[in-house]
Amino acid sequence: MSLDARQIAELKTRACADVDARAADLIAASHDIHAHPELNYEEHFAHDRLTRMIDAAGHGVTRGAYNIDTAFETKVGTRGLNVAVLCEYDALPGIGHACGHNVIAAAGLGAGLALAGLADDAGGRLTLMGTPAEEGGGGKVEMARAGAFVGVDAAMMVHPSDRDLARMNAIAIQQAIVRYYGQAAHAAVSPHLGRNALDAAVLGYMNVAALRQHIRPTERVHGIFTKAGEKPNIVPREAEMDWYVRSDTIETLQPLKQRVAACLEAGAAAADCRVEMVWDTHAYADIVDNIPLLDAYAANSTAIGRSLTSAFIPGSGGGSTDMGNVSYLAPTIHPMLAVAPRGVSLHSPQFADYTKSKEADKAVLDGAKIMAMTVIDMWANAELQHSVKRAFGDGSVPAGVL
């Protein structure tokens, strides 16, 4: 469906007015979720809080969607392109909503409820998704494996930051738990009878440290020791490490994983120990931003006073998110909204304080409006639809995405 500029402008005005009418409720939801931080797949308070609001607005909602207790899904509209707006709401251990997922949840909900009332007038379909466990649990990956993104023509969400950014330089990541097994013995009386699993782990760590000189400047490998023995006078029989391996793309991640594995295995061989390496089944892919869709978002953002560019901004971060996996399945954007002063780091107690601030409340409402306006553009602008589809390509999915 293609509407003229006046009709599109009227739909956007209606959507923004709806967000304003719900402002107090959306901000209250953000604050309530902030006050009840929940970890991966345990987000029962947030799930119930958000789905009750959807119910109250008169829209059906599937709770426990895709066989995940804390996921949900609402579908509206009967024709046209299907655009997904995603909510996140999990927190971090110890520091709560230091990534601001309470803001993401409330902004996504605001956009979804505003769009639900005008989908038929705009000739589009909306899927509002609650996606748990972004902080390492791979909720979107699990949902994708169950078919959540089949038939989705575009997907979007917003994320808090210390500045307004159209693009997050998100790279691919996969976690590995590495366990070394040796032989315990008395470290003073009979060390020759032992095999030191800690030595194996230390040697593996040193090998990776040497490898870091010879990987891409944009790649990252970082690990910690989580088990290192029982007492100094016992040759350590077990040692354990937790590693993150990151690369520019999901495809370049695969050979880097092999190089890291070879380093860790060599430590075991040198200490005559056995090693077991378990890769997490939820690799996070890099985000492939759909630039035409992003340009539409940036124009709407500028219209409400948040000027953006779709160019990468140097120093704008390099984290990882399971929204990257979604970007290989449908045209996707993942813009950032300022809620804190420049330089305040995400995943810090200071940032957690800012995600319940007046700036965060404004980001909830602005994010909801900008996403709603961008979905309307996607529904109603045939030229944008074609540009988004062309930019997405043939939809081939590399190994590791699912």
Protein backbone atom coordinates (compact mmCIF):
# COMPACT_ATOMS: atom_id res chain seq x y z
CA MET A 1 0.00 0.00 0.00
CA SER A 2 1.24 3.48 -0.83
CA LEU A 3 -0.26 6.64 0.67
CA ASP A 4 0.42 10.27 -0.19
CA ALA A 5 2.49 12.58 1.97
CA ARG A 6 -0.54 14.17 3.64
CA GLN A 7 -2.01 10.82 4.64
CA ILE A 8 1.33 9.62 6.02
CA ALA A 9 1.73 12.85 8.02
CA GLU A 10 -1.76 12.43 9.50
CA LEU A 11 -1.00 8.86 10.57
CA LYS A 12 2.23 9.99 12.21
CA THR A 13 0.41 12.76 14.07
CA ARG A 14 -2.11 10.21 15.38
CA ALA A 15 0.65 7.85 16.49
CA CYS A 16 2.55 10.56 18.36
CA ALA A 17 -0.64 11.75 20.02
CA ASP A 18 -1.32 8.21 21.20
CA VAL A 19 2.15 7.99 22.76
CA ASP A 20 1.61 11.31 24.51
CA ALA A 21 -1.76 10.14 25.83
CA ARG A 22 -0.10 7.06 27.33
CA ALA A 23 3.00 8.89 28.57
CA ALA A 24 2.34 8.49 32.28
CA ASP A 25 1.60 4.77 31.94
CA LEU A 26 4.65 4.10 29.76
CA ILE A 27 6.99 5.93 32.13
CA ALA A 28 5.47 4.12 35.10
CA ALA A 29 6.10 0.79 33.36
CA SER A 30 9.73 1.75 32.73
CA HIS A 31 10.22 2.69 36.39
CA ASP A 32 8.49 -0.44 37.67
CA ILE A 33 10.66 -2.72 35.55
CA HIS A 34 13.74 -0.77 36.65
CA ALA A 35 12.75 -1.37 40.28
CA HIS A 36 12.37 -5.12 39.69
CA PRO A 37 15.54 -6.21 37.82
CA GLU A 38 15.38 -9.80 36.57
CA LEU A 39 18.03 -11.96 34.89
CA ASN A 40 17.90 -14.09 31.74
CA TYR A 41 14.66 -16.04 31.36
CA GLU A 42 13.51 -14.97 34.83
CA GLU A 43 11.73 -11.77 33.73
CA HIS A 44 8.30 -12.73 35.08
CA PHE A 45 7.50 -9.33 36.61
CA ALA A 46 8.38 -7.47 33.39
CA HIS A 47 6.54 -10.01 31.23
CA ASP A 48 3.39 -9.70 33.33
CA ARG A 49 3.61 -5.90 33.61
CA LEU A 50 3.86 -5.42 29.85
CA THR A 51 1.28 -8.02 28.83
CA ARG A 52 -1.28 -6.62 31.29
CA MET A 53 -0.92 -3.24 29.59
CA ILE A 54 -1.46 -4.84 26.19
CA ASP A 55 -4.57 -6.59 27.52
CA ALA A 56 -5.85 -3.35 29.01
CA ALA A 57 -5.47 -1.64 25.63
CA GLY A 58 -7.80 -4.25 24.12
CA HIS A 59 -5.29 -6.27 22.12
CA GLY A 60 -4.75 -9.99 22.30
CA VAL A 61 -1.37 -11.17 23.52
CA THR A 62 0.31 -14.55 23.53
CA ARG A 63 2.08 -15.07 26.84
CA GLY A 64 4.94 -17.55 27.02
CA ALA A 65 5.36 -17.23 23.25
CA TYR A 66 7.53 -19.69 21.34
CA ASN A 67 7.76 -21.99 24.36
CA ILE A 68 9.67 -19.37 26.38
CA ASP A 69 7.93 -18.50 29.65
CA THR A 70 8.93 -14.84 29.60
CA ALA A 71 8.45 -14.09 25.89
CA PHE A 72 5.26 -12.60 24.46
CA GLU A 73 3.80 -11.63 21.10
CA THR A 74 0.96 -9.47 19.83
CA LYS A 75 -0.12 -9.30 16.19
CA VAL A 76 -2.39 -6.66 14.64
CA GLY A 77 -3.43 -5.81 11.09
CA THR A 78 -4.77 -7.97 8.31
CA ARG A 79 -2.85 -6.91 5.21
CA GLY A 80 0.35 -5.32 4.03
CA LEU A 81 3.94 -5.56 5.26
CA ASN A 82 4.61 -7.08 8.68
CA VAL A 83 6.96 -4.93 10.78
CA ALA A 84 8.19 -6.17 14.16
CA VAL A 85 8.88 -3.88 17.12
CA LEU A 86 10.94 -5.61 19.81
CA CYS A 87 11.03 -5.13 23.58
CA GLU A 88 13.85 -6.23 25.88
CA TYR A 89 13.54 -6.26 29.66
CA ASP A 90 16.23 -8.44 31.28
CA ALA A 91 18.78 -6.94 33.66
CA LEU A 92 22.39 -7.52 34.68
CA PRO A 93 23.60 -9.36 37.79
CA GLY A 94 24.53 -7.03 40.61
CA ILE A 95 23.89 -3.74 38.78
CA GLY A 96 20.31 -4.13 37.64
CA HIS A 97 19.16 -2.15 34.61
CA ALA A 98 22.59 -0.78 33.77
CA CYS A 99 21.87 -1.45 30.11
CA GLY A 100 18.50 0.29 30.25
CA HIS A 101 16.28 -2.51 29.04
CA ASN A 102 13.44 -0.96 31.03
CA VAL A 103 13.60 1.94 28.57
CA ILE A 104 13.66 -0.45 25.61
CA ALA A 105 10.59 -2.27 26.92
CA ALA A 106 8.53 0.84 27.53
CA ALA A 107 9.50 2.49 24.23
CA GLY A 108 8.68 -0.67 22.28
CA LEU A 109 5.36 -1.00 24.09
CA GLY A 110 4.49 2.62 23.39
CA ALA A 111 5.23 2.25 19.69
CA GLY A 112 3.31 -1.01 19.48
CA LEU A 113 0.18 0.30 21.19
CA ALA A 114 0.19 3.47 19.09
CA LEU A 115 0.52 1.49 15.87
CA ALA A 116 -2.08 -1.09 16.82
CA GLY A 117 -4.82 1.50 16.57
CA LEU A 118 -4.03 2.55 13.02
CA ALA A 119 -2.57 -0.54 11.31
CA ASP A 120 -5.67 -1.16 9.22
CA ASP A 121 -5.89 2.51 8.17
CA ALA A 122 -2.23 2.40 7.14
CA GLY A 123 -2.52 -0.94 5.38
CA GLY A 124 0.10 -2.69 7.45
CA ARG A 125 0.66 -5.44 9.98
CA LEU A 126 2.50 -5.16 13.27
CA THR A 127 4.15 -7.79 15.46
CA LEU A 128 5.02 -6.55 18.94
CA MET A 129 7.48 -8.97 20.54
CA GLY A 130 8.74 -9.37 24.06
CA THR A 131 12.22 -10.86 23.75
CA PRO A 132 13.86 -12.06 26.99
CA ALA A 133 17.45 -12.88 27.85
CA GLU A 134 19.49 -10.54 25.67
CA GLU A 135 22.27 -10.33 28.27
CA GLY A 136 23.87 -13.61 27.28
CA GLY A 137 20.85 -15.91 27.10
CA GLY A 138 20.13 -15.54 23.39
CA GLY A 139 16.39 -15.04 23.72
CA LYS A 140 15.96 -13.78 20.16
CA VAL A 141 18.00 -16.71 18.85
CA GLU A 142 15.70 -19.16 20.63
CA MET A 143 12.65 -17.34 19.30
CA ALA A 144 14.10 -17.30 15.78
CA ARG A 145 14.72 -21.04 15.92
CA ALA A 146 11.04 -21.46 16.76
CA GLY A 147 10.02 -19.38 13.72
CA ALA A 148 9.34 -16.00 15.33
CA PHE A 149 10.81 -14.00 12.45
CA VAL A 150 9.38 -15.98 9.55
CA GLY A 151 7.28 -13.57 7.49
CA VAL A 152 8.68 -10.45 9.19
CA ASP A 153 9.45 -7.76 6.59
CA ALA A 154 11.42 -5.48 8.93
CA ALA A 155 12.39 -5.35 12.61
CA MET A 156 13.45 -2.58 14.95
CA MET A 157 14.11 -1.57 18.54
CA VAL A 158 15.86 1.29 20.31
CA HIS A 159 18.55 1.12 22.98
CA PRO A 160 19.71 3.64 25.63
CA SER A 161 23.19 5.13 25.39
CA ASP A 162 25.22 8.18 26.33
CA ARG A 163 24.43 9.80 22.98
CA ASP A 164 21.98 9.64 20.08
CA LEU A 165 23.28 7.21 17.48
CA ALA A 166 21.65 5.67 14.44
CA ARG A 167 24.06 2.75 14.45
CA MET A 168 25.72 0.61 17.10
CA ASN A 169 28.94 -1.01 15.95
CA ALA A 170 27.85 -4.43 17.23
CA ILE A 171 30.16 -7.33 16.42
CA ALA A 172 29.75 -11.09 16.65
CA ILE A 173 30.47 -13.02 19.85
CA GLN A 174 30.47 -16.56 21.17
CA GLN A 175 31.25 -17.75 24.69
CA ALA A 176 33.20 -20.87 25.60
CA ILE A 177 33.54 -22.63 28.95
CA VAL A 178 36.91 -24.43 29.03
CA ARG A 179 37.63 -27.13 31.62
CA TYR A 180 41.01 -28.76 32.22
CA TYR A 181 41.32 -32.12 33.97
CA GLY A 182 44.57 -33.33 35.56
CA GLN A 183 45.56 -35.57 38.47
CA ALA A 184 45.61 -34.54 42.14
CA ALA A 185 48.68 -35.35 44.26
CA HIS A 186 50.46 -33.95 47.30
CA ALA A 187 52.23 -30.88 45.98
CA ALA A 188 55.24 -31.37 48.35
CA VAL A 189 55.49 -35.12 48.90
CA SER A 190 54.71 -36.48 45.44
CA PRO A 191 54.21 -33.77 42.83
CA HIS A 192 55.59 -36.14 40.18
CA LEU A 193 52.42 -38.19 40.51
CA GLY A 194 50.20 -35.22 39.68
CA ARG A 195 49.14 -33.49 36.50
CA ASN A 196 48.50 -29.79 37.06
CA ALA A 197 45.24 -28.62 35.48
CA LEU A 198 45.93 -25.04 36.58
CA ASP A 199 49.26 -25.07 34.72
CA ALA A 200 47.37 -26.25 31.63
CA ALA A 201 44.93 -23.37 31.97
CA VAL A 202 47.68 -20.80 32.58
CA LEU A 203 49.60 -22.00 29.53
CA GLY A 204 46.42 -21.82 27.47
CA TYR A 205 45.81 -18.27 28.69
CA MET A 206 49.35 -17.26 27.77
CA ASN A 207 48.92 -18.75 24.32
CA VAL A 208 45.79 -16.67 23.77
CA ALA A 209 47.64 -13.59 25.05
CA ALA A 210 50.27 -14.15 22.37
CA LEU A 211 47.56 -14.70 19.75
CA ARG A 212 46.05 -11.30 20.50
CA GLN A 213 48.99 -9.61 18.75
CA HIS A 214 48.02 -11.27 15.48
CA ILE A 215 44.28 -10.86 15.17
CA ARG A 216 42.36 -7.99 13.60
CA PRO A 217 42.43 -4.75 15.60
CA THR A 218 38.63 -4.93 15.69
CA GLU A 219 38.57 -8.46 17.16
CA ARG A 220 38.49 -9.18 20.87
CA VAL A 221 39.30 -12.25 22.98
CA HIS A 222 38.91 -12.03 26.77
CA GLY A 223 38.68 -14.65 29.48
CA ILE A 224 38.75 -15.26 33.22
CA PHE A 225 39.63 -18.13 35.56
CA THR A 226 36.56 -19.47 37.35
CA LYS A 227 38.22 -22.47 39.06
CA ALA A 228 41.90 -22.78 39.93
CA GLY A 229 42.34 -25.58 42.44
CA GLU A 230 41.41 -26.38 46.04
CA LYS A 231 44.53 -25.80 48.22
CA PRO A 232 48.13 -24.88 47.48
CA ASN A 233 49.40 -28.22 48.75
CA ILE A 234 47.22 -30.20 46.33
CA VAL A 235 48.21 -30.36 42.67
CA PRO A 236 45.12 -28.83 41.00
CA ARG A 237 43.06 -31.59 39.43
CA GLU A 238 40.58 -29.24 37.75
CA ALA A 239 40.68 -25.72 36.37
CA GLU A 240 38.02 -23.80 34.51
CA MET A 241 37.95 -20.67 32.35
CA ASP A 242 35.24 -18.54 30.77
CA TRP A 243 36.10 -17.00 27.38
CA TYR A 244 34.41 -14.51 25.05
CA VAL A 245 35.55 -14.49 21.43
CA ARG A 246 34.43 -11.55 19.27
CA SER A 247 34.96 -10.79 15.60
CA ASP A 248 33.65 -8.32 13.05
CA THR A 249 31.07 -10.69 11.56
CA ILE A 250 29.54 -14.06 12.30
CA GLU A 251 31.51 -15.46 9.35
CA THR A 252 34.93 -14.18 10.47
CA LEU A 253 34.15 -15.39 13.99
CA GLN A 254 34.40 -19.04 12.91
CA PRO A 255 38.15 -19.13 12.04
CA LEU A 256 39.00 -17.00 15.09
CA LYS A 257 37.24 -19.55 17.32
CA GLN A 258 39.43 -22.28 15.81
CA ARG A 259 42.61 -20.31 16.52
CA VAL A 260 41.59 -19.65 20.12
CA ALA A 261 40.68 -23.31 20.60
CA ALA A 262 44.11 -24.38 19.32
CA CYS A 263 45.80 -22.12 21.88
CA LEU A 264 43.79 -23.54 24.76
CA GLU A 265 44.26 -27.13 23.62
CA ALA A 266 48.02 -26.59 23.41
CA GLY A 267 48.08 -25.67 27.11
CA ALA A 268 46.50 -29.02 27.92
CA ALA A 269 48.98 -30.89 25.76
CA ALA A 270 51.95 -29.17 27.40
CA ALA A 271 50.78 -30.06 30.91
CA ASP A 272 49.67 -33.58 29.96
CA CYS A 273 46.07 -32.81 30.91
CA ARG A 274 42.72 -33.27 29.25
CA VAL A 275 40.68 -30.30 28.03
CA GLU A 276 36.96 -29.97 27.39
CA MET A 277 35.67 -26.94 25.50
CA VAL A 278 31.94 -26.18 25.39
CA TRP A 279 30.82 -23.39 23.08
CA ASP A 280 27.59 -21.62 23.97
CA THR A 281 24.81 -22.57 21.57
CA HIS A 282 23.74 -18.92 21.21
CA ALA A 283 26.38 -17.15 19.14
CA TYR A 284 25.50 -13.48 18.66
CA ALA A 285 25.90 -12.19 15.11
CA ASP A 286 27.01 -8.73 14.08
CA ILE A 287 24.30 -6.20 13.24
CA VAL A 288 23.78 -5.59 9.53
CA ASP A 289 21.95 -2.26 9.52
CA ASN A 290 19.43 -1.74 6.73
CA ILE A 291 20.46 1.73 5.59
CA PRO A 292 17.24 2.80 3.78
CA LEU A 293 15.21 1.87 6.86
CA LEU A 294 17.77 3.60 9.05
CA ASP A 295 17.59 6.75 6.94
CA ALA A 296 13.81 6.80 7.42
CA TYR A 297 14.31 6.44 11.18
CA ALA A 298 16.92 9.23 11.17
CA ALA A 299 14.56 11.58 9.32
CA ASN A 300 11.81 10.95 11.86
CA SER A 301 14.27 11.36 14.71
CA THR A 302 15.39 14.71 13.33
CA ALA A 303 11.74 15.76 13.01
CA ILE A 304 11.27 15.48 16.78
CA GLY A 305 14.61 17.11 17.64
CA ARG A 306 17.14 14.28 17.80
CA SER A 307 19.46 14.74 14.82
CA LEU A 308 21.12 11.55 13.56
CA THR A 309 23.36 10.35 10.78
CA SER A 310 23.41 6.82 9.42
CA ALA A 311 27.21 6.96 9.15
CA PHE A 312 29.29 5.13 11.75
CA ILE A 313 30.63 7.51 14.38
CA PRO A 314 34.19 6.67 15.54
CA GLY A 315 34.35 5.50 19.12
CA SER A 316 30.66 4.68 19.26
CA GLY A 317 31.11 1.28 20.85
CA GLY A 318 31.52 -2.32 19.83
CA GLY A 319 29.35 -4.50 22.02
CA SER A 320 27.29 -7.48 20.94
CA THR A 321 23.57 -8.27 20.88
CA ASP A 322 21.26 -11.02 19.67
CA MET A 323 19.53 -8.35 17.58
CA GLY A 324 22.43 -9.02 15.22
CA ASN A 325 21.00 -12.48 14.51
CA VAL A 326 17.65 -10.89 13.67
CA SER A 327 19.40 -8.59 11.18
CA TYR A 328 20.31 -11.64 9.06
CA LEU A 329 16.68 -12.80 9.05
CA ALA A 330 14.91 -9.51 8.25
CA PRO A 331 15.85 -5.89 7.48
CA THR A 332 16.78 -4.51 10.89
CA ILE A 333 17.77 -1.34 12.72
CA HIS A 334 19.00 -0.86 16.32
CA PRO A 335 19.44 2.88 17.01
CA MET A 336 20.63 4.37 20.31
CA LEU A 337 18.99 7.12 22.38
CA ALA A 338 20.83 9.35 24.83
CA VAL A 339 19.73 8.92 28.46
CA ALA A 340 23.02 9.79 30.18
CA PRO A 341 25.81 12.37 29.78
CA ARG A 342 28.52 11.64 27.25
CA GLY A 343 31.10 9.24 28.63
CA VAL A 344 28.91 7.40 31.14
CA SER A 345 29.51 3.74 30.37
CA LEU A 346 26.75 1.23 29.82
CA HIS A 347 26.92 -1.71 32.26
CA SER A 348 27.93 0.58 35.11
CA PRO A 349 26.06 1.49 38.31
CA GLN A 350 26.10 5.12 37.17
CA PHE A 351 24.31 4.25 33.94
CA ALA A 352 21.72 2.24 35.89
CA ASP A 353 20.86 5.43 37.79
CA TYR A 354 20.36 7.34 34.55
CA THR A 355 17.96 4.75 33.10
CA LYS A 356 15.29 5.95 35.55
CA SER A 357 16.04 9.67 35.03
CA LYS A 358 14.02 12.38 33.29
CA GLU A 359 16.28 11.90 30.27
CA ALA A 360 15.37 8.21 30.19
CA ASP A 361 11.67 9.04 30.48
CA LYS A 362 12.01 11.36 27.50
CA ALA A 363 13.82 8.60 25.58
CA VAL A 364 10.89 6.24 26.24
CA LEU A 365 8.47 8.66 24.62
CA ASP A 366 10.79 9.83 21.83
CA GLY A 367 11.80 6.26 21.00
CA ALA A 368 8.17 5.15 20.83
CA LYS A 369 7.28 8.04 18.53
CA ILE A 370 10.26 7.66 16.20
CA MET A 371 9.73 3.91 15.81
CA ALA A 372 5.99 4.36 15.24
CA MET A 373 6.61 6.97 12.54
CA THR A 374 9.22 4.76 10.90
CA VAL A 375 6.87 1.78 10.84
CA ILE A 376 4.25 3.99 9.20
CA ASP A 377 6.78 4.96 6.53
CA MET A 378 7.52 1.29 5.96
CA TRP A 379 3.84 0.44 5.69
CA ALA A 380 2.80 3.31 3.48
CA ASN A 381 5.76 4.22 1.27
CA ALA A 382 6.18 1.81 -1.64
CA GLU A 383 9.52 3.35 -2.66
CA LEU A 384 10.93 2.79 0.83
CA GLN A 385 9.65 -0.78 0.82
CA HIS A 386 11.51 -1.53 -2.39
CA SER A 387 14.71 0.16 -1.16
CA VAL A 388 14.65 -1.78 2.11
CA LYS A 389 14.12 -5.05 0.28
CA ARG A 390 16.94 -4.37 -2.20
CA ALA A 391 19.36 -3.44 0.58
CA PHE A 392 18.59 -6.65 2.47
CA GLY A 393 19.70 -8.80 -0.45
CA ASP A 394 18.82 -12.44 -1.00
CA GLY A 395 18.28 -13.25 2.68
CA SER A 396 21.00 -15.91 2.87
CA VAL A 397 21.81 -16.88 6.46
CA PRO A 398 25.46 -17.67 7.35
CA ALA A 399 26.41 -20.52 9.64
CA GLY A 400 26.15 -19.61 13.31
CA VAL A 401 23.19 -17.25 13.05
CA LEU A 402 20.68 -19.91 14.10
